[in-house]
Amino acid sequence: MEPLLVYPDPPPPALVQALELSGYPWKAVTTSSQAQQQEPDDGWSGAVVIADGDPEAAFALCRALRKRDLPLEPLMLLIGPSQMRDLELREDVFDDFCLQPFQPGELDARLKHLFWRAGRGTRPELVEYGPLVLNLETYQAAIDGNPLDLTYMEYELLKFLSSHPGKVFTREVLLSRVWGYEYYGGARTVDVHIRRLRAKLGEEHANLIHTVRSVGYRFGQSRWTI
């Protein structure tokens, strides 16, 4: 996938975090001429334009992107609440919008829909369970939109568990499936990593990983109801 054009440069950290967690490559620009000069050989995949900081400059960029021989689509706007009344006058220069402060999940869903409507698949492979999202392409993880600072093995263990919700695994199975058959560490290795994962998930979400007494661990709810 070619990068998304993002305006302005630098973009706010919240937007950077949301795009990178969802696996969208991006490059920020400050002007339409810069957008033209830095355009990839296969073109921009789309654009995300923040219009509430400097509306006139933002909409001037949108108009320039739309007037090209091959108009840039899809084009997502991030606007402030006070700009809602002006959107009808500018609807020819954007495809969809999110209100600031945006929710990462909403932005991702709207971008995904725009690309689907355009007949282009862009979404990376994700593992999602409730508030937890793992991007299998970028090795990033987040809970409630907040990035998790995981080691490689913590990520691998969380990925394995969350890919099999409701299933119980013994420590021995986890050792062989996550660490590999050649790993000679004991069951305590699993316990230590589970404890660290729960701490990083935070008190509110630590119970995503359940201890099954005398057996091992389960991620999420059991498939059986009592």
Protein backbone atom coordinates (compact mmCIF):
# COMPACT_ATOMS: atom_id res chain seq x y z
CA MET A 1 0.00 0.00 0.00
CA GLU A 2 1.24 3.47 -0.90
CA PRO A 3 1.34 6.03 1.92
CA LEU A 4 -1.52 8.29 2.90
CA LEU A 5 -0.93 11.99 2.43
CA VAL A 6 -1.32 13.69 5.81
CA TYR A 7 -1.72 17.43 6.43
CA PRO A 8 -0.28 19.38 8.19
CA ASP A 9 3.35 18.60 8.95
CA PRO A 10 3.97 17.65 11.69
CA PRO A 11 0.65 15.93 12.36
CA PRO A 12 -0.61 15.72 15.95
CA PRO A 13 0.63 12.71 17.95
CA ALA A 14 -2.90 11.33 18.31
CA LEU A 15 -3.25 11.03 14.53
CA VAL A 16 0.20 9.50 14.14
CA GLN A 17 -0.60 6.93 16.81
CA ALA A 18 -3.98 6.06 15.27
CA LEU A 19 -2.60 5.63 11.74
CA GLU A 20 0.39 3.59 12.79
CA LEU A 21 -1.60 1.32 15.07
CA SER A 22 -4.01 0.61 12.22
CA GLY A 23 -1.08 -0.07 9.90
CA TYR A 24 -1.53 2.81 7.46
CA PRO A 25 1.74 4.12 6.03
CA TRP A 26 1.72 7.93 5.79
CA LYS A 27 3.76 10.99 4.91
CA ALA A 28 3.02 14.54 6.05
CA VAL A 29 3.15 17.64 3.83
CA THR A 30 2.71 21.37 4.36
CA THR A 31 1.61 22.53 0.87
CA SER A 32 0.03 21.21 -2.33
CA SER A 33 3.31 21.71 -4.18
CA GLN A 34 5.09 19.58 -1.60
CA ALA A 35 2.37 16.96 -2.00
CA GLN A 36 3.11 16.89 -5.72
CA GLN A 37 6.88 16.79 -5.30
CA GLN A 38 6.82 13.97 -2.74
CA GLU A 39 4.10 11.88 -4.35
CA PRO A 40 5.11 8.20 -4.68
CA ASP A 41 5.50 6.72 -8.18
CA ASP A 42 2.19 4.88 -7.81
CA GLY A 43 0.46 7.90 -6.28
CA TRP A 44 -0.89 8.61 -2.82
CA SER A 45 -3.29 5.98 -1.52
CA GLY A 46 -5.52 8.71 -0.05
CA ALA A 47 -5.34 11.71 2.26
CA VAL A 48 -6.17 12.71 5.82
CA VAL A 49 -6.44 16.49 6.16
CA ILE A 50 -6.84 18.30 9.48
CA ALA A 51 -9.01 21.31 8.76
CA ASP A 52 -9.68 22.87 12.15
CA GLY A 53 -6.23 24.43 12.70
CA ASP A 54 -5.98 26.51 9.52
CA PRO A 55 -9.23 25.90 7.61
CA GLU A 56 -8.46 28.03 4.58
CA ALA A 57 -5.08 26.39 3.97
CA ALA A 58 -6.57 22.93 4.56
CA PHE A 59 -9.44 23.41 2.10
CA ALA A 60 -7.11 25.03 -0.43
CA LEU A 61 -5.04 21.84 -0.30
CA CYS A 62 -8.17 19.72 -0.71
CA ARG A 63 -9.26 21.70 -3.76
CA ALA A 64 -5.82 21.34 -5.30
CA LEU A 65 -5.86 17.58 -4.71
CA ARG A 66 -9.29 17.30 -6.33
CA LYS A 67 -8.35 19.36 -9.42
CA ARG A 68 -5.53 17.08 -10.50
CA ASP A 69 -5.73 14.99 -13.67
CA LEU A 70 -6.29 12.02 -11.36
CA PRO A 71 -8.15 13.46 -8.32
CA LEU A 72 -6.90 12.12 -5.03
CA GLU A 73 -9.39 9.77 -3.41
CA PRO A 74 -10.34 8.94 -0.76
CA LEU A 75 -9.96 12.19 1.14
CA MET A 76 -10.79 12.25 4.86
CA LEU A 77 -11.29 15.51 6.78
CA LEU A 78 -10.78 16.04 10.49
CA ILE A 79 -12.84 19.08 11.49
CA GLY A 80 -13.92 21.00 14.55
CA PRO A 81 -17.61 21.10 15.62
CA SER A 82 -17.96 24.72 14.50
CA GLN A 83 -17.13 23.74 10.91
CA MET A 84 -20.12 21.44 10.51
CA ARG A 85 -22.32 24.17 9.09
CA ASP A 86 -19.82 24.89 6.30
CA LEU A 87 -19.47 21.32 5.03
CA GLU A 88 -22.34 21.52 2.52
CA LEU A 89 -20.49 24.30 0.70
CA ARG A 90 -17.33 22.21 0.49
CA GLU A 91 -18.70 18.69 0.00
CA ASP A 92 -17.07 18.38 -3.42
CA VAL A 93 -13.56 18.38 -1.91
CA PHE A 94 -13.82 15.51 0.60
CA ASP A 95 -15.27 12.00 0.90
CA ASP A 96 -15.90 11.73 4.64
CA PHE A 97 -15.07 13.47 7.91
CA CYS A 98 -14.48 12.91 11.61
CA LEU A 99 -15.06 15.44 14.36
CA GLN A 100 -12.14 16.48 16.53
CA PRO A 101 -11.14 15.11 18.94
CA PHE A 102 -11.59 11.96 16.88
CA GLN A 103 -11.83 8.41 18.18
CA PRO A 104 -9.15 6.12 16.67
CA GLY A 105 -11.67 3.33 16.13
CA GLU A 106 -14.04 5.63 14.25
CA LEU A 107 -11.26 7.01 12.05
CA ASP A 108 -10.07 3.51 11.19
CA ALA A 109 -13.61 2.33 10.41
CA ARG A 110 -14.31 5.31 8.17
CA LEU A 111 -11.02 4.95 6.30
CA LYS A 112 -11.64 1.24 5.87
CA HIS A 113 -15.10 1.96 4.44
CA LEU A 114 -13.73 4.55 2.01
CA PHE A 115 -11.10 2.16 0.69
CA TRP A 116 -13.68 -0.62 0.44
CA ARG A 117 -16.00 1.69 -1.49
CA ALA A 118 -13.14 2.51 -3.83
CA GLY A 119 -12.52 -1.20 -4.38
CA ARG A 120 -9.16 -1.24 -2.62
CA GLY A 121 -8.33 -3.39 0.39
CA THR A 122 -5.92 -1.72 2.79
CA ARG A 123 -6.56 -3.04 6.25
CA PRO A 124 -3.63 -4.98 7.72
CA GLU A 125 -4.11 -8.27 9.49
CA LEU A 126 -5.32 -7.57 13.00
CA VAL A 127 -6.26 -9.58 16.06
CA GLU A 128 -9.07 -7.81 17.92
CA TYR A 129 -10.77 -8.79 21.15
CA GLY A 130 -12.86 -6.16 22.91
CA PRO A 131 -10.56 -3.23 23.70
CA LEU A 132 -7.41 -5.12 22.62
CA VAL A 133 -5.95 -4.73 19.12
CA LEU A 134 -2.79 -6.39 17.79
CA ASN A 135 -1.38 -5.39 14.41
CA LEU A 136 0.32 -8.51 13.06
CA GLU A 137 2.24 -6.55 10.41
CA THR A 138 3.80 -3.90 12.62
CA TYR A 139 4.02 -5.88 15.90
CA GLN A 140 2.10 -3.15 17.68
CA ALA A 141 -0.54 -3.68 20.34
CA ALA A 142 -2.95 -1.36 22.09
CA ILE A 143 -5.65 -1.53 24.74
CA ASP A 144 -8.45 1.07 24.59
CA GLY A 145 -6.36 2.85 21.94
CA ASN A 146 -3.34 3.16 24.22
CA PRO A 147 -0.13 1.50 22.93
CA LEU A 148 1.32 -1.36 24.96
CA ASP A 149 5.07 -1.46 25.46
CA LEU A 150 5.68 -5.20 25.03
CA THR A 151 8.81 -7.24 24.60
CA TYR A 152 8.95 -9.61 21.62
CA MET A 153 7.99 -12.67 23.67
CA GLU A 154 5.26 -10.81 25.56
CA TYR A 155 3.78 -9.83 22.20
CA GLU A 156 4.05 -13.39 20.87
CA LEU A 157 2.38 -14.82 23.96
CA LEU A 158 -0.43 -12.26 23.86
CA LYS A 159 -0.89 -12.83 20.12
CA PHE A 160 -1.16 -16.59 20.59
CA LEU A 161 -3.60 -16.37 23.48
CA SER A 162 -5.81 -13.69 21.91
CA SER A 163 -5.91 -15.64 18.62
CA HIS A 164 -7.56 -18.52 20.49
CA PRO A 165 -10.11 -16.85 22.79
CA GLY A 166 -11.90 -19.12 25.21
CA LYS A 167 -9.45 -22.00 24.83
CA VAL A 168 -7.41 -23.24 27.79
CA PHE A 169 -3.69 -23.95 27.32
CA THR A 170 -1.35 -25.68 29.72
CA ARG A 171 1.99 -24.08 30.48
CA GLU A 172 3.72 -26.86 28.58
CA VAL A 173 1.67 -26.21 25.45
CA LEU A 174 2.33 -22.48 25.68
CA LEU A 175 6.07 -23.14 26.03
CA SER A 176 6.11 -25.30 22.91
CA ARG A 177 3.76 -23.13 20.80
CA VAL A 178 5.12 -19.70 21.73
CA TRP A 179 8.75 -20.29 22.69
CA GLY A 180 9.29 -23.32 20.48
CA TYR A 181 10.07 -26.97 21.05
CA GLU A 182 13.78 -26.21 21.35
CA TYR A 183 13.19 -23.94 24.34
CA TYR A 184 14.27 -25.53 27.61
CA GLY A 185 12.81 -23.04 30.05
CA GLY A 186 10.41 -24.23 32.73
CA ALA A 187 6.78 -23.46 33.41
CA ARG A 188 7.82 -20.49 35.51
CA THR A 189 8.80 -18.71 32.29
CA VAL A 190 5.13 -18.72 31.27
CA ASP A 191 3.97 -17.53 34.70
CA VAL A 192 6.43 -14.62 34.68
CA HIS A 193 5.34 -13.48 31.22
CA ILE A 194 1.65 -13.80 32.12
CA ARG A 195 2.23 -11.66 35.22
CA ARG A 196 4.02 -9.00 33.13
CA LEU A 197 1.28 -9.01 30.52
CA ARG A 198 -1.42 -8.52 33.13
CA ALA A 199 0.51 -5.61 34.61
CA LYS A 200 0.85 -3.96 31.20
CA LEU A 201 -2.81 -4.54 30.32
CA GLY A 202 -3.65 -2.61 33.48
CA GLU A 203 -5.94 -3.38 36.37
CA GLU A 204 -9.08 -2.83 34.29
CA HIS A 205 -8.11 -5.38 31.63
CA ALA A 206 -5.78 -7.79 33.47
CA ASN A 207 -8.66 -10.28 33.74
CA LEU A 208 -8.58 -10.82 29.98
CA ILE A 209 -6.06 -13.53 30.87
CA HIS A 210 -7.65 -16.04 33.22
CA THR A 211 -5.87 -18.59 35.37
CA VAL A 212 -7.50 -22.02 35.14
CA ARG A 213 -6.59 -23.72 38.38
CA SER A 214 -4.35 -26.81 38.02
CA VAL A 215 -4.45 -26.49 34.21
CA GLY A 216 -3.03 -23.28 32.75
CA TYR A 217 -4.36 -20.10 31.18
CA ARG A 218 -7.28 -18.93 29.06
CA PHE A 219 -7.72 -15.68 27.17
CA GLY A 220 -11.16 -14.10 27.20
CA GLN A 221 -14.43 -15.74 28.04
CA SER A 222 -14.98 -19.48 27.98
CA ARG A 223 -17.02 -20.84 25.11
CA TRP A 224 -19.11 -22.71 27.67
CA THR A 225 -21.71 -20.99 29.79
CA ILE A 226 -22.90 -22.33 33.07
